[in-house]
Amino acid sequence: MFLEIRHLRSLQAIYETGSLAQAAERLCVTQSALSHQIKSLEHYFDVPLYLRKHKPLRLTTAGEQLLQLAQQILPQMAKAESRLRQLAGGETGRLHIAVECHSCFEWLMPTLDVYRQQWPDVEVDIRLGMSFDPVPALSRGEVDLVITSDQQNVDGIIFKPLFDFEARAVLPNNHPLCKKAYIEADDFKHETLLIYPVEQSRLDIFNKLLNPAGITPAQIRQVELTMMILQLVASHRGIAVLPDWLLSDFVARQYITSKPLSKQGMKGTLFAAVRESEIDAAYMQAFLQLSMKKPCL
């Protein structure tokens, strides 16, 4: 293909300046070099591109055809070059997030509202990581960040700690268990446990407390929304287990009662898993910094 981007830039400069000398100055080339470039283009297509005896210079019909192409292509080229420079500098990119816990949405959404205002050119998307295995998807490049409490040893993946939390029992006020200093596995034996609609194998209350003790709650009810869980608890329809940061405001307003799970408490850390090759990007670091403050709702 003979036609090049430099030819389009030259025709556009000639059209806008009306002078070969001024066009050459704008393009930072000599007038003779620009003249030779246009002549070689005219020779190749065997058609004149501008009227040489007209002052200011005017494009021929063939020249105008190339000018229309230049006006379509050059702005797209400039936009692409700008985006590539931003990508190289970590100023923009893609941030597709997989979330492994339903309750995390309560703090993630306000965090993303702030982030979008500060980084409007970053493409943000969210997926609930309960319907697929998010860390292998992260390794394959299908998502860019995973919010999880399950730290793993995976080549090329960094698990950045965001904040520590404590999972606590959520009880209706005046429930008999409210008199206890902490809730044990055996206390769930006669209770309806309200959980998110996920596999029990992915919930800490089963993995860390109930299953090791061989305890199964009297009933297990799956509930989609955090606020619905809290309302059902307050209405004496069951008990639940949720992170401390989510409960603080509801406990302060005496909407529900919160108790530790076991004498030691059930504590954990929330991580952001990121590909090692992208963790230093400016847009990624900005999101991590915003996410590292423990929420208090």
Protein backbone atom coordinates (compact mmCIF):
# COMPACT_ATOMS: atom_id res chain seq x y z
CA MET A 1 0.00 0.00 0.00
CA PHE A 2 1.56 3.28 -1.13
CA LEU A 3 -0.67 5.74 0.74
CA GLU A 4 0.63 6.55 4.23
CA ILE A 5 -0.48 8.63 7.22
CA ARG A 6 2.22 11.21 6.46
CA HIS A 7 0.60 11.82 3.06
CA LEU A 8 -2.74 12.57 4.73
CA ARG A 9 -1.10 14.93 7.21
CA SER A 10 0.65 16.73 4.36
CA LEU A 11 -2.56 17.21 2.33
CA GLN A 12 -4.37 18.49 5.41
CA ALA A 13 -1.57 20.96 6.19
CA ILE A 14 -1.57 22.26 2.62
CA TYR A 15 -5.35 22.70 2.72
CA GLU A 16 -5.31 24.50 6.08
CA THR A 17 -2.36 26.82 5.35
CA GLY A 18 -2.86 27.37 1.60
CA SER A 19 0.90 27.48 1.22
CA LEU A 20 3.55 24.83 0.63
CA ALA A 21 6.08 26.78 2.71
CA GLN A 22 3.73 27.19 5.68
CA ALA A 23 2.61 23.58 5.46
CA ALA A 24 6.26 22.43 5.49
CA GLU A 25 6.93 24.63 8.54
CA ARG A 26 3.95 23.15 10.38
CA LEU A 27 5.09 19.61 9.55
CA CYS A 28 8.72 20.37 10.53
CA VAL A 29 10.10 19.37 7.11
CA THR A 30 11.77 21.34 4.35
CA GLN A 31 9.64 22.75 1.55
CA SER A 32 11.55 20.68 -1.01
CA ALA A 33 10.96 17.49 1.01
CA LEU A 34 7.24 18.20 1.21
CA SER A 35 7.10 19.02 -2.51
CA HIS A 36 8.91 15.77 -3.35
CA GLN A 37 6.51 13.77 -1.14
CA ILE A 38 3.44 15.20 -2.90
CA LYS A 39 4.97 14.73 -6.35
CA SER A 40 5.72 11.08 -5.62
CA LEU A 41 2.11 10.60 -4.54
CA GLU A 42 0.83 12.33 -7.70
CA HIS A 43 3.18 10.26 -9.86
CA TYR A 44 2.02 7.01 -8.26
CA PHE A 45 -1.68 7.74 -8.80
CA ASP A 46 -1.08 9.75 -11.99
CA VAL A 47 -3.27 12.63 -10.86
CA PRO A 48 -2.51 16.18 -9.53
CA LEU A 49 -3.48 16.83 -5.92
CA TYR A 50 -3.37 20.64 -5.80
CA LEU A 51 -3.40 23.58 -8.22
CA ARG A 52 0.14 24.98 -8.22
CA LYS A 53 -0.60 28.31 -9.92
CA HIS A 54 -3.43 29.20 -7.56
CA LYS A 55 -2.74 31.43 -4.55
CA PRO A 56 -3.57 30.30 -1.94
CA LEU A 57 -3.07 26.73 -3.01
CA ARG A 58 -6.25 24.79 -3.75
CA LEU A 59 -6.76 21.04 -3.76
CA THR A 60 -7.96 19.26 -6.89
CA THR A 61 -10.86 16.82 -6.76
CA ALA A 62 -8.36 14.03 -6.08
CA GLY A 63 -6.75 16.10 -3.33
CA GLU A 64 -10.13 16.73 -1.75
CA GLN A 65 -10.80 12.99 -1.74
CA LEU A 66 -7.64 12.44 0.26
CA LEU A 67 -8.49 15.41 2.50
CA GLN A 68 -11.83 13.80 3.41
CA LEU A 69 -9.97 10.62 4.27
CA ALA A 70 -7.50 12.63 6.38
CA GLN A 71 -10.33 14.34 8.28
CA GLN A 72 -11.78 10.93 9.11
CA ILE A 73 -8.57 9.07 9.93
CA LEU A 74 -6.28 11.61 11.61
CA PRO A 75 -8.57 12.44 14.57
CA GLN A 76 -8.98 8.70 15.22
CA MET A 77 -5.22 8.25 15.04
CA ALA A 78 -4.68 11.11 17.48
CA LYS A 79 -7.24 9.65 19.88
CA ALA A 80 -5.63 6.21 19.69
CA GLU A 81 -2.14 7.64 20.26
CA SER A 82 -3.38 9.61 23.25
CA ARG A 83 -5.01 6.52 24.75
CA LEU A 84 -1.88 4.45 24.22
CA ARG A 85 0.20 7.11 25.99
CA GLN A 86 -2.30 7.10 28.86
CA LEU A 87 -2.16 3.32 29.05
CA ALA A 88 1.63 3.37 29.08
CA GLY A 89 1.56 5.90 31.91
CA GLY A 90 -1.09 4.02 33.88
CA GLU A 91 -3.53 6.90 33.54
CA THR A 92 -6.31 4.80 32.06
CA GLY A 93 -7.18 1.17 31.52
CA ARG A 94 -9.73 -1.51 32.31
CA LEU A 95 -10.85 -2.38 35.82
CA HIS A 96 -13.20 -5.35 35.75
CA ILE A 97 -13.82 -6.41 39.34
CA ALA A 98 -15.02 -9.80 40.63
CA VAL A 99 -16.47 -9.79 44.16
CA GLU A 100 -16.57 -12.97 46.23
CA CYS A 101 -18.82 -11.69 49.01
CA HIS A 102 -22.31 -10.18 48.76
CA SER A 103 -21.78 -7.84 51.71
CA CYS A 104 -18.78 -6.24 49.99
CA PHE A 105 -21.15 -4.46 47.61
CA GLU A 106 -22.26 -2.28 50.53
CA TRP A 107 -18.86 -0.54 50.63
CA LEU A 108 -17.69 -1.18 47.06
CA MET A 109 -20.43 0.86 45.38
CA PRO A 110 -19.72 4.13 47.30
CA THR A 111 -15.99 3.55 46.75
CA LEU A 112 -16.55 3.19 43.00
CA ASP A 113 -18.66 6.36 42.93
CA VAL A 114 -15.62 8.30 44.21
CA TYR A 115 -13.25 6.40 41.93
CA ARG A 116 -15.25 7.11 38.77
CA GLN A 117 -15.18 10.83 39.48
CA GLN A 118 -11.39 10.76 39.88
CA TRP A 119 -10.67 8.34 37.00
CA PRO A 120 -13.42 8.84 34.40
CA ASP A 121 -11.39 7.26 31.57
CA VAL A 122 -11.03 3.87 33.29
CA GLU A 123 -13.49 1.24 32.09
CA VAL A 124 -15.12 -0.18 35.24
CA ASP A 125 -17.27 -3.30 35.44
CA ILE A 126 -18.36 -5.58 38.30
CA ARG A 127 -19.08 -9.30 38.40
CA LEU A 128 -20.26 -11.39 41.33
CA GLY A 129 -17.61 -14.05 41.80
CA MET A 130 -19.99 -16.65 43.18
CA SER A 131 -21.01 -18.07 39.79
CA PHE A 132 -17.41 -18.79 38.66
CA ASP A 133 -13.92 -19.20 40.13
CA PRO A 134 -12.57 -15.64 40.03
CA VAL A 135 -8.84 -16.11 40.74
CA PRO A 136 -8.23 -18.40 37.72
CA ALA A 137 -10.31 -15.90 35.70
CA LEU A 138 -7.93 -13.19 36.96
CA SER A 139 -4.92 -15.22 35.80
CA ARG A 140 -6.53 -15.64 32.37
CA GLY A 141 -7.15 -11.89 32.06
CA GLU A 142 -10.95 -12.18 32.12
CA VAL A 143 -11.15 -9.88 35.17
CA ASP A 144 -8.60 -7.41 36.54
CA LEU A 145 -9.17 -7.44 40.29
CA VAL A 146 -10.80 -9.86 42.76
CA ILE A 147 -12.18 -8.85 46.15
CA THR A 148 -11.77 -11.87 48.42
CA SER A 149 -11.04 -12.98 51.99
CA ASP A 150 -9.32 -16.14 50.74
CA GLN A 151 -5.63 -15.49 50.18
CA GLN A 152 -3.98 -17.98 47.83
CA ASN A 153 -0.52 -18.68 46.46
CA VAL A 154 -0.89 -18.15 42.70
CA ASP A 155 1.97 -17.36 40.31
CA GLY A 156 1.72 -13.85 38.90
CA ILE A 157 -1.04 -12.79 41.32
CA ILE A 158 -0.54 -10.43 44.26
CA PHE A 159 -3.00 -10.44 47.17
CA LYS A 160 -2.99 -6.91 48.55
CA PRO A 161 -4.52 -6.64 52.05
CA LEU A 162 -7.23 -3.98 52.25
CA PHE A 163 -8.46 -4.14 55.86
CA ASP A 164 -9.12 -6.56 58.71
CA PHE A 165 -12.64 -7.43 59.81
CA GLU A 166 -14.51 -9.63 62.26
CA ALA A 167 -17.47 -11.81 61.30
CA ARG A 168 -20.12 -11.50 64.00
CA ALA A 169 -23.43 -13.10 64.83
CA VAL A 170 -26.43 -10.90 64.09
CA LEU A 171 -29.33 -11.39 66.52
CA PRO A 172 -32.73 -9.80 67.04
CA ASN A 173 -32.92 -7.64 70.14
CA ASN A 174 -34.12 -9.55 73.22
CA HIS A 175 -33.15 -12.90 71.69
CA PRO A 176 -32.08 -15.34 74.46
CA LEU A 177 -28.60 -15.57 72.86
CA CYS A 178 -28.10 -11.83 73.46
CA LYS A 179 -27.32 -12.68 77.09
CA LYS A 180 -24.22 -14.61 76.08
CA ALA A 181 -20.77 -13.03 75.80
CA TYR A 182 -20.15 -14.88 72.54
CA ILE A 183 -21.98 -17.30 70.26
CA GLU A 184 -20.77 -20.89 69.86
CA ALA A 185 -21.44 -23.47 67.16
CA ASP A 186 -23.92 -25.34 69.39
CA ASP A 187 -26.05 -22.16 69.65
CA PHE A 188 -27.02 -22.48 65.96
CA LYS A 189 -28.54 -25.93 66.47
CA HIS A 190 -32.07 -24.64 67.06
CA GLU A 191 -31.90 -21.49 64.91
CA THR A 192 -32.80 -20.47 61.36
CA LEU A 193 -29.56 -19.26 59.75
CA LEU A 194 -29.99 -16.57 57.10
CA ILE A 195 -27.27 -16.72 54.43
CA TYR A 196 -26.59 -15.30 50.98
CA PRO A 197 -27.52 -17.58 48.03
CA VAL A 198 -24.10 -19.20 47.66
CA GLU A 199 -22.65 -22.64 48.27
CA GLN A 200 -22.11 -23.35 51.96
CA SER A 201 -18.55 -24.42 51.17
CA ARG A 202 -17.75 -20.78 50.38
CA LEU A 203 -19.02 -19.37 53.68
CA ASP A 204 -16.71 -18.99 56.71
CA ILE A 205 -19.51 -19.66 59.20
CA PHE A 206 -19.64 -23.25 57.91
CA ASN A 207 -15.94 -23.75 57.21
CA LYS A 208 -14.59 -22.22 60.42
CA LEU A 209 -17.29 -22.85 63.01
CA LEU A 210 -20.24 -25.14 62.20
CA ASN A 211 -18.66 -27.91 60.12
CA PRO A 212 -15.67 -28.50 62.46
CA ALA A 213 -18.17 -28.86 65.33
CA GLY A 214 -20.50 -31.10 63.32
CA ILE A 215 -23.39 -28.66 63.82
CA THR A 216 -26.22 -28.04 61.34
CA PRO A 217 -28.70 -25.19 61.97
CA ALA A 218 -32.37 -26.15 62.39
CA GLN A 219 -33.10 -24.32 59.13
CA ILE A 220 -31.07 -22.51 56.49
CA ARG A 221 -32.72 -19.76 54.46
CA GLN A 222 -31.08 -18.04 51.52
CA VAL A 223 -31.64 -14.29 51.17
CA GLU A 224 -30.41 -12.13 48.28
CA LEU A 225 -29.98 -8.70 49.90
CA THR A 226 -28.10 -7.53 52.98
CA MET A 227 -30.88 -5.15 54.03
CA MET A 228 -33.41 -7.96 53.74
CA ILE A 229 -31.26 -10.15 55.99
CA LEU A 230 -31.12 -7.39 58.59
CA GLN A 231 -34.88 -6.84 58.41
CA LEU A 232 -35.57 -10.54 58.85
CA VAL A 233 -33.24 -10.71 61.82
CA ALA A 234 -34.89 -7.68 63.42
CA SER A 235 -38.27 -9.36 62.87
CA HIS A 236 -37.14 -12.51 64.73
CA ARG A 237 -37.21 -14.58 61.53
CA GLY A 238 -33.67 -15.91 61.97
CA ILE A 239 -30.06 -15.03 62.82
CA ALA A 240 -27.15 -14.28 60.52
CA VAL A 241 -23.40 -13.77 60.31
CA LEU A 242 -22.09 -10.53 58.78
CA PRO A 243 -18.87 -8.44 58.94
CA ASP A 244 -18.49 -5.95 61.82
CA TRP A 245 -18.05 -2.91 59.58
CA LEU A 246 -21.46 -3.48 58.02
CA LEU A 247 -23.20 -3.80 61.40
CA SER A 248 -21.81 -0.84 63.35
CA ASP A 249 -24.49 1.69 62.41
CA PHE A 250 -27.38 -0.76 62.92
CA VAL A 251 -26.05 -1.77 66.34
CA ALA A 252 -25.62 1.88 67.34
CA ARG A 253 -29.27 2.52 66.41
CA GLN A 254 -30.29 -0.59 68.39
CA TYR A 255 -31.82 -2.12 65.28
CA ILE A 256 -30.15 -5.47 65.95
CA THR A 257 -27.66 -7.01 68.41
CA SER A 258 -24.19 -8.23 67.42
CA LYS A 259 -22.08 -10.82 69.24
CA PRO A 260 -18.65 -12.39 68.62
CA LEU A 261 -18.46 -15.89 67.17
CA SER A 262 -16.63 -18.14 69.66
CA LYS A 263 -14.39 -16.95 72.47
CA GLN A 264 -11.56 -16.14 70.04
CA GLY A 265 -13.78 -14.39 67.52
CA MET A 266 -13.90 -15.11 63.80
CA LYS A 267 -11.51 -12.64 62.23
CA GLY A 268 -10.26 -12.25 58.70
CA THR A 269 -8.69 -9.93 56.16
CA LEU A 270 -10.18 -8.64 52.94
CA PHE A 271 -7.77 -8.74 49.99
CA ALA A 272 -7.63 -7.33 46.50
CA ALA A 273 -6.06 -9.88 44.16
CA VAL A 274 -4.35 -8.22 41.17
CA ARG A 275 -2.05 -9.41 38.40
CA GLU A 276 1.54 -8.59 39.30
CA SER A 277 2.11 -7.01 35.88
CA GLU A 278 -0.61 -4.39 36.50
CA ILE A 279 -0.47 -3.62 40.20
CA ASP A 280 1.79 -0.57 39.75
CA ALA A 281 -0.46 1.11 37.19
CA ALA A 282 -1.59 4.50 38.49
CA TYR A 283 -5.29 3.77 38.02
CA MET A 284 -4.93 0.45 39.89
CA GLN A 285 -2.99 2.02 42.77
CA ALA A 286 -5.64 4.73 43.06
CA PHE A 287 -8.39 2.14 43.45
CA LEU A 288 -6.40 0.18 46.03
CA GLN A 289 -5.76 3.30 48.09
CA LEU A 290 -9.46 4.16 48.09
CA SER A 291 -10.36 0.59 49.11
CA MET A 292 -7.90 0.24 52.00
CA LYS A 293 -9.94 2.34 54.40
CA LYS A 294 -12.15 0.08 56.48
CA PRO A 295 -15.76 1.18 55.88
CA CYS A 296 -18.10 2.09 58.70
CA LEU A 297 -21.68 2.02 57.51
